[in-house]
Amino acid sequence: MLDWIKQYWLSALFGTVTGALSWTVKCLWSRQKAQIERQKAVETGVQALLHDSIYRGYAECQKKGYATVEDIKNIEYLYRPYHDLGGNGTGTELFERIKKMPDRPAEEESA
């Protein structure tokens, strides 16, 4: 009788443990994959918000005709994480244009 328990019940027990471990690993892998996808979506959203803020800052400076030192520092503060998240292209172009703008209104420069 003891041999029968060893032969069949131990095999069943090991099979159950192996199945449970496989199921746990599958669940953890699925959760990790979902978290990676969610993180990517969050990063893309943050990048889009940063790009929008850079664009709005550029539009404001272009409307004024100049970019103060504070404007440039603020845009740079937005641009660095934007660039670190992989953003470039138009955001970089707008940042470079802002840096090239005069730092005061034209009336002050001629005085």
PDB file of N, CA and C in Angstrom:
ATOM      1  N   MET A   1       0.814  -1.199   0.000  1.00  0.00           N
ATOM      2  CA  MET A   1       0.000   0.000   0.000  1.00  0.00           C
ATOM      3  C   MET A   1       0.856   1.260   0.000  1.00  0.00           C
ATOM      4  N   LEU A   2       1.924   1.252   0.790  1.00  0.00           N
ATOM      5  CA  LEU A   2       2.822   2.394   0.848  1.00  0.00           C
ATOM      6  C   LEU A   2       3.490   2.628  -0.501  1.00  0.00           C
ATOM      7  N   ASP A   3       3.811   1.558  -1.201  1.00  0.00           N
ATOM      8  CA  ASP A   3       4.413   1.699  -2.530  1.00  0.00           C
ATOM      9  C   ASP A   3       3.435   2.345  -3.508  1.00  0.00           C
ATOM     10  N   TRP A   4       2.170   1.976  -3.406  1.00  0.00           N
ATOM     11  CA  TRP A   4       1.157   2.543  -4.293  1.00  0.00           C
ATOM     12  C   TRP A   4       1.018   4.047  -4.053  1.00  0.00           C
ATOM     13  N   ILE A   5       1.045   4.495  -2.799  1.00  0.00           N
ATOM     14  CA  ILE A   5       0.961   5.915  -2.458  1.00  0.00           C
ATOM     15  C   ILE A   5       2.187   6.651  -2.999  1.00  0.00           C
ATOM     16  N   LYS A   6       3.330   6.070  -2.789  1.00  0.00           N
ATOM     17  CA  LYS A   6       4.554   6.702  -3.294  1.00  0.00           C
ATOM     18  C   LYS A   6       4.512   6.835  -4.809  1.00  0.00           C
ATOM     19  N   GLN A   7       4.084   5.799  -5.479  1.00  0.00           N
ATOM     20  CA  GLN A   7       4.116   5.781  -6.937  1.00  0.00           C
ATOM     21  C   GLN A   7       3.118   6.773  -7.533  1.00  0.00           C
ATOM     22  N   TYR A   8       1.898   6.798  -7.093  1.00  0.00           N
ATOM     23  CA  TYR A   8       0.867   7.600  -7.741  1.00  0.00           C
ATOM     24  C   TYR A   8       0.656   8.963  -7.095  1.00  0.00           C
ATOM     25  N   TRP A   9       0.609   9.029  -5.775  1.00  0.00           N
ATOM     26  CA  TRP A   9       0.340  10.291  -5.122  1.00  0.00           C
ATOM     27  C   TRP A   9       1.515  11.260  -5.211  1.00  0.00           C
ATOM     28  N   LEU A  10       2.714  10.768  -5.122  1.00  0.00           N
ATOM     29  CA  LEU A  10       3.876  11.656  -5.282  1.00  0.00           C
ATOM     30  C   LEU A  10       3.964  12.191  -6.700  1.00  0.00           C
ATOM     31  N   SER A  11       3.663  11.372  -7.687  1.00  0.00           N
ATOM     32  CA  SER A  11       3.642  11.837  -9.080  1.00  0.00           C
ATOM     33  C   SER A  11       2.570  12.902  -9.264  1.00  0.00           C
ATOM     34  N   ALA A  12       1.396  12.662  -8.703  1.00  0.00           N
ATOM     35  CA  ALA A  12       0.314  13.641  -8.793  1.00  0.00           C
ATOM     36  C   ALA A  12       0.691  14.931  -8.076  1.00  0.00           C
ATOM     37  N   LEU A  13       1.303  14.822  -6.925  1.00  0.00           N
ATOM     38  CA  LEU A  13       1.717  16.000  -6.167  1.00  0.00           C
ATOM     39  C   LEU A  13       2.748  16.823  -6.944  1.00  0.00           C
ATOM     40  N   PHE A  14       3.756  16.174  -7.484  1.00  0.00           N
ATOM     41  CA  PHE A  14       4.763  16.890  -8.264  1.00  0.00           C
ATOM     42  C   PHE A  14       4.156  17.499  -9.524  1.00  0.00           C
ATOM     43  N   GLY A  15       3.233  16.802 -10.147  1.00  0.00           N
ATOM     44  CA  GLY A  15       2.545  17.352 -11.318  1.00  0.00           C
ATOM     45  C   GLY A  15       1.739  18.588 -10.970  1.00  0.00           C
ATOM     46  N   THR A  16       1.064  18.543  -9.831  1.00  0.00           N
ATOM     47  CA  THR A  16       0.275  19.687  -9.374  1.00  0.00           C
ATOM     48  C   THR A  16       1.169  20.877  -9.041  1.00  0.00           C
ATOM     49  N   VAL A  17       2.265  20.618  -8.350  1.00  0.00           N
ATOM     50  CA  VAL A  17       3.202  21.695  -8.000  1.00  0.00           C
ATOM     51  C   VAL A  17       3.797  22.306  -9.265  1.00  0.00           C
ATOM     52  N   THR A  18       4.190  21.478 -10.219  1.00  0.00           N
ATOM     53  CA  THR A  18       4.758  21.982 -11.477  1.00  0.00           C
ATOM     54  C   THR A  18       3.720  22.804 -12.238  1.00  0.00           C
ATOM     55  N   GLY A  19       2.492  22.329 -12.272  1.00  0.00           N
ATOM     56  CA  GLY A  19       1.424  23.077 -12.940  1.00  0.00           C
ATOM     57  C   GLY A  19       1.161  24.415 -12.273  1.00  0.00           C
ATOM     58  N   ALA A  20       1.148  24.421 -10.940  1.00  0.00           N
ATOM     59  CA  ALA A  20       0.918  25.664 -10.202  1.00  0.00           C
ATOM     60  C   ALA A  20       2.042  26.661 -10.446  1.00  0.00           C
ATOM     61  N   LEU A  21       3.274  26.173 -10.459  1.00  0.00           N
ATOM     62  CA  LEU A  21       4.406  27.063 -10.738  1.00  0.00           C
ATOM     63  C   LEU A  21       4.337  27.618 -12.157  1.00  0.00           C
ATOM     64  N   SER A  22       3.982  26.781 -13.107  1.00  0.00           N
ATOM     65  CA  SER A  22       3.853  27.238 -14.497  1.00  0.00           C
ATOM     66  C   SER A  22       2.774  28.311 -14.612  1.00  0.00           C
ATOM     67  N   TRP A  23       1.646  28.091 -13.959  1.00  0.00           N
ATOM     68  CA  TRP A  23       0.550  29.055 -13.992  1.00  0.00           C
ATOM     69  C   TRP A  23       0.983  30.380 -13.355  1.00  0.00           C
ATOM     70  N   THR A  24       1.698  30.306 -12.237  1.00  0.00           N
ATOM     71  CA  THR A  24       2.175  31.509 -11.550  1.00  0.00           C
ATOM     72  C   THR A  24       3.132  32.296 -12.433  1.00  0.00           C
ATOM     73  N   VAL A  25       4.066  31.608 -13.065  1.00  0.00           N
ATOM     74  CA  VAL A  25       5.019  32.276 -13.955  1.00  0.00           C
ATOM     75  C   VAL A  25       4.283  32.932 -15.124  1.00  0.00           C
ATOM     76  N   LYS A  26       3.297  32.248 -15.676  1.00  0.00           N
ATOM     77  CA  LYS A  26       2.525  32.806 -16.792  1.00  0.00           C
ATOM     78  C   LYS A  26       1.789  34.069 -16.355  1.00  0.00           C
ATOM     79  N   CYS A  27       1.174  34.032 -15.180  1.00  0.00           N
ATOM     80  CA  CYS A  27       0.461  35.206 -14.670  1.00  0.00           C
ATOM     81  C   CYS A  27       1.419  36.379 -14.429  1.00  0.00           C
ATOM     82  N   LEU A  28       2.555  36.092 -13.824  1.00  0.00           N
ATOM     83  CA  LEU A  28       3.551  37.145 -13.575  1.00  0.00           C
ATOM     84  C   LEU A  28       4.084  37.719 -14.874  1.00  0.00           C
ATOM     85  N   TRP A  29       4.313  36.873 -15.862  1.00  0.00           N
ATOM     86  CA  TRP A  29       4.814  37.331 -17.163  1.00  0.00           C
ATOM     87  C   TRP A  29       3.771  38.224 -17.842  1.00  0.00           C
ATOM     88  N   SER A  30       2.516  37.823 -17.781  1.00  0.00           N
ATOM     89  CA  SER A  30       1.439  38.635 -18.377  1.00  0.00           C
ATOM     90  C   SER A  30       1.328  39.986 -17.686  1.00  0.00           C
ATOM     91  N   ARG A  31       1.424  39.960 -16.356  1.00  0.00           N
ATOM     92  CA  ARG A  31       1.352  41.214 -15.606  1.00  0.00           C
ATOM     93  C   ARG A  31       2.525  42.127 -15.960  1.00  0.00           C
ATOM     94  N   GLN A  32       3.725  41.560 -16.063  1.00  0.00           N
ATOM     95  CA  GLN A  32       4.906  42.347 -16.411  1.00  0.00           C
ATOM     96  C   GLN A  32       4.752  42.953 -17.803  1.00  0.00           C
ATOM     97  N   LYS A  33       4.250  42.179 -18.731  1.00  0.00           N
ATOM     98  CA  LYS A  33       4.049  42.671 -20.097  1.00  0.00           C
ATOM     99  C   LYS A  33       3.039  43.818 -20.109  1.00  0.00           C
ATOM    100  N   ALA A  34       1.955  43.691 -19.355  1.00  0.00           N
ATOM    101  CA  ALA A  34       0.952  44.751 -19.270  1.00  0.00           C
ATOM    102  C   ALA A  34       1.535  46.013 -18.645  1.00  0.00           C
ATOM    103  N   GLN A  35       2.379  45.848 -17.617  1.00  0.00           N
ATOM    104  CA  GLN A  35       3.001  47.009 -16.979  1.00  0.00           C
ATOM    105  C   GLN A  35       3.958  47.714 -17.935  1.00  0.00           C
ATOM    106  N   ILE A  36       4.683  46.945 -18.734  1.00  0.00           N
ATOM    107  CA  ILE A  36       5.600  47.547 -19.712  1.00  0.00           C
ATOM    108  C   ILE A  36       4.811  48.345 -20.743  1.00  0.00           C
ATOM    109  N   GLU A  37       3.713  47.785 -21.229  1.00  0.00           N
ATOM    110  CA  GLU A  37       2.884  48.491 -22.210  1.00  0.00           C
ATOM    111  C   GLU A  37       2.287  49.761 -21.602  1.00  0.00           C
ATOM    112  N   ARG A  38       1.824  49.663 -20.371  1.00  0.00           N
ATOM    113  CA  ARG A  38       1.255  50.831 -19.693  1.00  0.00           C
ATOM    114  C   ARG A  38       2.318  51.911 -19.482  1.00  0.00           C
ATOM    115  N   GLN A  39       3.523  51.511 -19.072  1.00  0.00           N
ATOM    116  CA  GLN A  39       4.616  52.461 -18.872  1.00  0.00           C
ATOM    117  C   GLN A  39       4.954  53.167 -20.179  1.00  0.00           C
ATOM    118  N   LYS A  40       4.971  52.427 -21.268  1.00  0.00           N
ATOM    119  CA  LYS A  40       5.259  53.019 -22.575  1.00  0.00           C
ATOM    120  C   LYS A  40       4.185  54.049 -22.942  1.00  0.00           C
ATOM    121  N   ALA A  41       2.919  53.717 -22.657  1.00  0.00           N
ATOM    122  CA  ALA A  41       1.827  54.645 -22.936  1.00  0.00           C
ATOM    123  C   ALA A  41       1.955  55.914 -22.090  1.00  0.00           C
ATOM    124  N   VAL A  42       2.336  55.766 -20.826  1.00  0.00           N
ATOM    125  CA  VAL A  42       2.517  56.922 -19.947  1.00  0.00           C
ATOM    126  C   VAL A  42       3.668  57.799 -20.462  1.00  0.00           C
ATOM    127  N   GLU A  43       4.767  57.175 -20.855  1.00  0.00           N
ATOM    128  CA  GLU A  43       5.911  57.929 -21.376  1.00  0.00           C
ATOM    129  C   GLU A  43       5.534  58.672 -22.655  1.00  0.00           C
ATOM    130  N   THR A  44       4.782  58.026 -23.522  1.00  0.00           N
ATOM    131  CA  THR A  44       4.347  58.672 -24.761  1.00  0.00           C
ATOM    132  C   THR A  44       3.442  59.855 -24.446  1.00  0.00           C
ATOM    133  N   GLY A  45       2.550  59.684 -23.468  1.00  0.00           N
ATOM    134  CA  GLY A  45       1.667  60.777 -23.073  1.00  0.00           C
ATOM    135  C   GLY A  45       2.425  61.950 -22.476  1.00  0.00           C
ATOM    136  N   VAL A  46       3.384  61.666 -21.618  1.00  0.00           N
ATOM    137  CA  VAL A  46       4.201  62.729 -21.017  1.00  0.00           C
ATOM    138  C   VAL A  46       4.992  63.450 -22.104  1.00  0.00           C
ATOM    139  N   GLN A  47       5.541  62.691 -23.030  1.00  0.00           N
ATOM    140  CA  GLN A  47       6.288  63.298 -24.135  1.00  0.00           C
ATOM    141  C   GLN A  47       5.387  64.222 -24.948  1.00  0.00           C
ATOM    142  N   ALA A  48       4.159  63.795 -25.206  1.00  0.00           N
ATOM    143  CA  ALA A  48       3.215  64.627 -25.959  1.00  0.00           C
ATOM    144  C   ALA A  48       2.881  65.908 -25.197  1.00  0.00           C
ATOM    145  N   LEU A  49       2.679  65.797 -23.885  1.00  0.00           N
ATOM    146  CA  LEU A  49       2.387  66.988 -23.076  1.00  0.00           C
ATOM    147  C   LEU A  49       3.574  67.954 -23.061  1.00  0.00           C
ATOM    148  N   LEU A  50       4.777  67.408 -22.944  1.00  0.00           N
ATOM    149  CA  LEU A  50       5.972  68.255 -22.977  1.00  0.00           C
ATOM    150  C   LEU A  50       6.104  68.947 -24.326  1.00  0.00           C
ATOM    151  N   HIS A  51       5.852  68.222 -25.401  1.00  0.00           N
ATOM    152  CA  HIS A  51       5.928  68.806 -26.741  1.00  0.00           C
ATOM    153  C   HIS A  51       4.915  69.936 -26.867  1.00  0.00           C
ATOM    154  N   ASP A  52       3.705  69.706 -26.373  1.00  0.00           N
ATOM    155  CA  ASP A  52       2.669  70.735 -26.431  1.00  0.00           C
ATOM    156  C   ASP A  52       3.092  71.979 -25.651  1.00  0.00           C
ATOM    157  N   SER A  53       3.698  71.778 -24.486  1.00  0.00           N
ATOM    158  CA  SER A  53       4.150  72.916 -23.682  1.00  0.00           C
ATOM    159  C   SER A  53       5.271  73.676 -24.380  1.00  0.00           C
ATOM    160  N   ILE A  54       6.173  72.960 -25.004  1.00  0.00           N
ATOM    161  CA  ILE A  54       7.256  73.615 -25.764  1.00  0.00           C
ATOM    162  C   ILE A  54       6.657  74.412 -26.919  1.00  0.00           C
ATOM    163  N   TYR A  55       5.703  73.816 -27.617  1.00  0.00           N
ATOM    164  CA  TYR A  55       5.062  74.491 -28.748  1.00  0.00           C
ATOM    165  C   TYR A  55       4.335  75.756 -28.283  1.00  0.00           C
ATOM    166  N   ARG A  56       3.616  75.658 -27.172  1.00  0.00           N
ATOM    167  CA  ARG A  56       2.901  76.828 -26.648  1.00  0.00           C
ATOM    168  C   ARG A  56       3.885  77.925 -26.226  1.00  0.00           C
ATOM    169  N   GLY A  57       4.988  77.530 -25.593  1.00  0.00           N
ATOM    170  CA  GLY A  57       6.004  78.502 -25.212  1.00  0.00           C
ATOM    171  C   GLY A  57       6.604  79.188 -26.424  1.00  0.00           C
ATOM    172  N   TYR A  58       6.837  78.411 -27.470  1.00  0.00           N
ATOM    173  CA  TYR A  58       7.374  78.996 -28.702  1.00  0.00           C
ATOM    174  C   TYR A  58       6.372  79.977 -29.305  1.00  0.00           C
ATOM    175  N   ALA A  59       5.106  79.577 -29.358  1.00  0.00           N
ATOM    176  CA  ALA A  59       4.075  80.445 -29.941  1.00  0.00           C
ATOM    177  C   ALA A  59       3.969  81.756 -29.171  1.00  0.00           C
ATOM    178  N   GLU A  60       4.060  81.669 -27.843  1.00  0.00           N
ATOM    179  CA  GLU A  60       3.996  82.869 -27.013  1.00  0.00           C
ATOM    180  C   GLU A  60       5.192  83.788 -27.282  1.00  0.00           C
ATOM    181  N   CYS A  61       6.384  83.204 -27.334  1.00  0.00           N
ATOM    182  CA  CYS A  61       7.584  84.006 -27.589  1.00  0.00           C
ATOM    183  C   CYS A  61       7.561  84.593 -29.000  1.00  0.00           C
ATOM    184  N   GLN A  62       7.088  83.825 -29.949  1.00  0.00           N
ATOM    185  CA  GLN A  62       7.010  84.320 -31.325  1.00  0.00           C
ATOM    186  C   GLN A  62       6.030  85.484 -31.403  1.00  0.00           C
ATOM    187  N   LYS A  63       4.921  85.392 -30.681  1.00  0.00           N
ATOM    188  CA  LYS A  63       3.933  86.469 -30.662  1.00  0.00           C
ATOM    189  C   LYS A  63       4.526  87.739 -30.059  1.00  0.00           C
ATOM    190  N   LYS A  64       5.320  87.563 -28.953  1.00  0.00           N
ATOM    191  CA  LYS A  64       5.972  88.705 -28.312  1.00  0.00           C
ATOM    192  C   LYS A  64       7.100  89.255 -29.188  1.00  0.00           C
ATOM    193  N   GLY A  65       7.740  88.374 -29.928  1.00  0.00           N
ATOM    194  CA  GLY A  65       8.872  88.773 -30.750  1.00  0.00           C
ATOM    195  C   GLY A  65      10.212  88.610 -30.057  1.00  0.00           C
ATOM    196  N   TYR A  66      10.220  88.068 -28.863  1.00  0.00           N
ATOM    197  CA  TYR A  66      11.459  87.862 -28.122  1.00  0.00           C
ATOM    198  C   TYR A  66      11.235  86.770 -27.080  1.00  0.00           C
ATOM    199  N   ALA A  67      12.331  86.268 -26.521  1.00  0.00           N
ATOM    200  CA  ALA A  67      12.281  85.253 -25.459  1.00  0.00           C
ATOM    201  C   ALA A  67      13.210  85.697 -24.340  1.00  0.00           C
ATOM    202  N   THR A  68      12.638  85.956 -23.184  1.00  0.00           N
ATOM    203  CA  THR A  68      13.456  86.363 -22.041  1.00  0.00           C
ATOM    204  C   THR A  68      14.297  85.174 -21.571  1.00  0.00           C
ATOM    205  N   VAL A  69      15.244  85.479 -20.715  1.00  0.00           N
ATOM    206  CA  VAL A  69      16.080  84.426 -20.146  1.00  0.00           C
ATOM    207  C   VAL A  69      15.195  83.433 -19.383  1.00  0.00           C
ATOM    208  N   GLU A  70      14.195  83.934 -18.689  1.00  0.00           N
ATOM    209  CA  GLU A  70      13.272  83.060 -17.956  1.00  0.00           C
ATOM    210  C   GLU A  70      12.491  82.163 -18.906  1.00  0.00           C
ATOM    211  N   ASP A  71      12.070  82.730 -20.058  1.00  0.00           N
ATOM    212  CA  ASP A  71      11.372  81.922 -21.064  1.00  0.00           C
ATOM    213  C   ASP A  71      12.266  80.780 -21.546  1.00  0.00           C
ATOM    214  N   ILE A  72      13.498  81.096 -21.839  1.00  0.00           N
ATOM    215  CA  ILE A  72      14.427  80.088 -22.349  1.00  0.00           C
ATOM    216  C   ILE A  72      14.693  79.022 -21.291  1.00  0.00           C
ATOM    217  N   LYS A  73      14.892  79.447 -20.029  1.00  0.00           N
ATOM    218  CA  LYS A  73      15.112  78.468 -18.953  1.00  0.00           C
ATOM    219  C   LYS A  73      13.901  77.559 -18.784  1.00  0.00           C
ATOM    220  N   ASN A  74      12.714  78.132 -18.859  1.00  0.00           N
ATOM    221  CA  ASN A  74      11.494  77.339 -18.718  1.00  0.00           C
ATOM    222  C   ASN A  74      11.371  76.323 -19.855  1.00  0.00           C
ATOM    223  N   ILE A  75      11.609  76.768 -21.073  1.00  0.00           N
ATOM    224  CA  ILE A  75      11.520  75.860 -22.223  1.00  0.00           C
ATOM    225  C   ILE A  75      12.603  74.785 -22.123  1.00  0.00           C
ATOM    226  N   GLU A  76      13.789  75.161 -21.677  1.00  0.00           N
ATOM    227  CA  GLU A  76      14.863  74.178 -21.520  1.00  0.00           C
ATOM    228  C   GLU A  76      14.491  73.143 -20.457  1.00  0.00           C
ATOM    229  N   TYR A  77      13.846  73.607 -19.387  1.00  0.00           N
ATOM    230  CA  TYR A  77      13.388  72.711 -18.326  1.00  0.00           C
ATOM    231  C   TYR A  77      12.393  71.685 -18.883  1.00  0.00           C
ATOM    232  N   LEU A  78      11.577  72.087 -19.843  1.00  0.00           N
ATOM    233  CA  LEU A  78      10.635  71.180 -20.498  1.00  0.00           C
ATOM    234  C   LEU A  78      11.329  70.320 -21.549  1.00  0.00           C
ATOM    235  N   TYR A  79      12.293  70.915 -22.243  1.00  0.00           N
ATOM    236  CA  TYR A  79      12.933  70.224 -23.364  1.00  0.00           C
ATOM    237  C   TYR A  79      13.786  69.038 -22.914  1.00  0.00           C
ATOM    238  N   ARG A  80      14.506  69.163 -21.821  1.00  0.00           N
ATOM    239  CA  ARG A  80      15.418  68.081 -21.400  1.00  0.00           C
ATOM    240  C   ARG A  80      14.693  66.751 -21.190  1.00  0.00           C
ATOM    241  N   PRO A  81      13.620  66.700 -20.379  1.00  0.00           N
ATOM    242  CA  PRO A  81      12.925  65.402 -20.251  1.00  0.00           C
ATOM    243  C   PRO A  81      12.254  64.980 -21.560  1.00  0.00           C
ATOM    244  N   TYR A  82      11.788  65.955 -22.345  1.00  0.00           N
ATOM    245  CA  TYR A  82      11.199  65.642 -23.653  1.00  0.00           C
ATOM    246  C   TYR A  82      12.230  64.910 -24.517  1.00  0.00           C
ATOM    247  N   HIS A  83      13.433  65.434 -24.544  1.00  0.00           N
ATOM    248  CA  HIS A  83      14.501  64.824 -25.340  1.00  0.00           C
ATOM    249  C   HIS A  83      14.908  63.468 -24.755  1.00  0.00           C
ATOM    250  N   ASP A  84      14.981  63.368 -23.427  1.00  0.00           N
ATOM    251  CA  ASP A  84      15.347  62.109 -22.777  1.00  0.00           C
ATOM    252  C   ASP A  84      14.326  61.000 -23.048  1.00  0.00           C
ATOM    253  N   LEU A  85      13.082  61.387 -23.263  1.00  0.00           N
ATOM    254  CA  LEU A  85      12.039  60.410 -23.580  1.00  0.00           C
ATOM    255  C   LEU A  85      12.039  60.015 -25.055  1.00  0.00           C
ATOM    256  N   GLY A  86      12.992  60.549 -25.801  1.00  0.00           N
ATOM    257  CA  GLY A  86      13.105  60.182 -27.207  1.00  0.00           C
ATOM    258  C   GLY A  86      12.519  61.204 -28.154  1.00  0.00           C
ATOM    259  N   GLY A  87      12.009  62.281 -27.617  1.00  0.00           N
ATOM    260  CA  GLY A  87      11.430  63.321 -28.469  1.00  0.00           C
ATOM    261  C   GLY A  87      12.519  64.168 -29.090  1.00  0.00           C
ATOM    262  N   ASN A  88      12.378  64.419 -30.325  1.00  0.00           N
ATOM    263  CA  ASN A  88      13.260  65.352 -31.018  1.00  0.00           C
ATOM    264  C   ASN A  88      12.504  65.845 -32.240  1.00  0.00           C
ATOM    265  N   GLY A  89      13.150  66.215 -33.273  1.00  0.00           N
ATOM    266  CA  GLY A  89      12.426  66.694 -34.445  1.00  0.00           C
ATOM    267  C   GLY A  89      11.855  68.075 -34.207  1.00  0.00           C
ATOM    268  N   THR A  90      10.533  68.189 -34.198  1.00  0.00           N
ATOM    269  CA  THR A  90       9.905  69.501 -34.089  1.00  0.00           C
ATOM    270  C   THR A  90      10.176  70.151 -32.732  1.00  0.00           C
ATOM    271  N   GLY A  91      10.181  69.369 -31.658  1.00  0.00           N
ATOM    272  CA  GLY A  91      10.477  69.936 -30.343  1.00  0.00           C
ATOM    273  C   GLY A  91      11.872  70.536 -30.294  1.00  0.00           C
ATOM    274  N   THR A  92      12.832  69.835 -30.862  1.00  0.00           N
ATOM    275  CA  THR A  92      14.206  70.341 -30.916  1.00  0.00           C
ATOM    276  C   THR A  92      14.276  71.604 -31.768  1.00  0.00           C
ATOM    277  N   GLU A  93      13.606  71.579 -32.891  1.00  0.00           N
ATOM    278  CA  GLU A  93      13.601  72.745 -33.786  1.00  0.00           C
ATOM    279  C   GLU A  93      13.001  73.961 -33.081  1.00  0.00           C
ATOM    280  N   LEU A  94      11.896  73.787 -32.384  1.00  0.00           N
ATOM    281  CA  LEU A  94      11.277  74.905 -31.669  1.00  0.00           C
ATOM    282  C   LEU A  94      12.181  75.423 -30.560  1.00  0.00           C
ATOM    283  N   PHE A  95      12.829  74.516 -29.832  1.00  0.00           N
ATOM    284  CA  PHE A  95      13.748  74.921 -28.766  1.00  0.00           C
ATOM    285  C   PHE A  95      14.906  75.728 -29.343  1.00  0.00           C
ATOM    286  N   GLU A  96      15.459  75.286 -30.446  1.00  0.00           N
ATOM    287  CA  GLU A  96      16.567  76.017 -31.079  1.00  0.00           C
ATOM    288  C   GLU A  96      16.108  77.394 -31.558  1.00  0.00           C
ATOM    289  N   ARG A  97      14.916  77.487 -32.105  1.00  0.00           N
ATOM    290  CA  ARG A  97      14.392  78.792 -32.547  1.00  0.00           C
ATOM    291  C   ARG A  97      14.220  79.746 -31.367  1.00  0.00           C
ATOM    292  N   ILE A  98      13.723  79.231 -30.257  1.00  0.00           N
ATOM    293  CA  ILE A  98      13.540  80.073 -29.069  1.00  0.00           C
ATOM    294  C   ILE A  98      14.882  80.599 -28.585  1.00  0.00           C
ATOM    295  N   LYS A  99      15.910  79.751 -28.569  1.00  0.00           N
ATOM    296  CA  LYS A  99      17.229  80.179 -28.097  1.00  0.00           C
ATOM    297  C   LYS A  99      17.819  81.271 -28.997  1.00  0.00           C
ATOM    298  N   LYS A 100      17.434  81.305 -30.269  1.00  0.00           N
ATOM    299  CA  LYS A 100      17.976  82.297 -31.204  1.00  0.00           C
ATOM    300  C   LYS A 100      17.213  83.624 -31.176  1.00  0.00           C
ATOM    301  N   MET A 101      16.085  83.670 -30.492  1.00  0.00           N
ATOM    302  CA  MET A 101      15.296  84.905 -30.436  1.00  0.00           C
ATOM    303  C   MET A 101      16.012  85.955 -29.597  1.00  0.00           C
ATOM    304  N   PRO A 102      15.733  87.243 -29.882  1.00  0.00           N
ATOM    305  CA  PRO A 102      16.280  88.283 -29.009  1.00  0.00           C
ATOM    306  C   PRO A 102      15.714  88.133 -27.600  1.00  0.00           C
ATOM    307  N   ASP A 103      16.444  88.678 -26.615  1.00  0.00           N
ATOM    308  CA  ASP A 103      16.015  88.496 -25.233  1.00  0.00           C
ATOM    309  C   ASP A 103      15.202  89.661 -24.676  1.00  0.00           C
ATOM    310  N   ARG A 104      14.927  90.636 -25.491  1.00  0.00           N
ATOM    311  CA  ARG A 104      14.102  91.771 -25.057  1.00  0.00           C
ATOM    312  C   ARG A 104      13.369  92.334 -26.273  1.00  0.00           C
ATOM    313  N   PRO A 105      12.334  93.136 -26.029  1.00  0.00           N
ATOM    314  CA  PRO A 105      11.587  93.728 -27.145  1.00  0.00           C
ATOM    315  C   PRO A 105      12.476  94.630 -28.002  1.00  0.00           C
ATOM    316  N   ALA A 106      12.101  94.797 -29.236  1.00  0.00           N
ATOM    317  CA  ALA A 106      12.895  95.610 -30.177  1.00  0.00           C
ATOM    318  C   ALA A 106      13.022  97.048 -29.718  1.00  0.00           C
ATOM    319  N   GLU A 107      12.019  97.627 -29.045  1.00  0.00           N
ATOM    320  CA  GLU A 107      12.086  99.015 -28.580  1.00  0.00           C
ATOM    321  C   GLU A 107      13.196  99.211 -27.560  1.00  0.00           C
ATOM    322  N   GLU A 108      13.392  98.234 -26.692  1.00  0.00           N
ATOM    323  CA  GLU A 108      14.440  98.330 -25.666  1.00  0.00           C
ATOM    324  C   GLU A 108      15.823  98.216 -26.272  1.00  0.00           C
ATOM    325  N   GLU A 109      15.945  97.434 -27.341  1.00  0.00           N
ATOM    326  CA  GLU A 109      17.265  97.246 -27.958  1.00  0.00           C
ATOM    327  C   GLU A 109      17.753  98.519 -28.635  1.00  0.00           C
ATOM    328  N   SER A 110      16.827  99.303 -29.232  1.00  0.00           N
ATOM    329  CA  SER A 110      17.242 100.510 -29.949  1.00  0.00           C
ATOM    330  C   SER A 110      17.496 101.668 -28.996  1.00  0.00           C
ATOM    331  N   ALA A 111      17.005 101.609 -27.786  1.00  0.00           N
ATOM    332  CA  ALA A 111      17.150 102.724 -26.832  1.00  0.00           C
ATOM    333  C   ALA A 111      18.520 102.780 -26.225  1.00  0.00           C
TER     334      ALA A 111
END
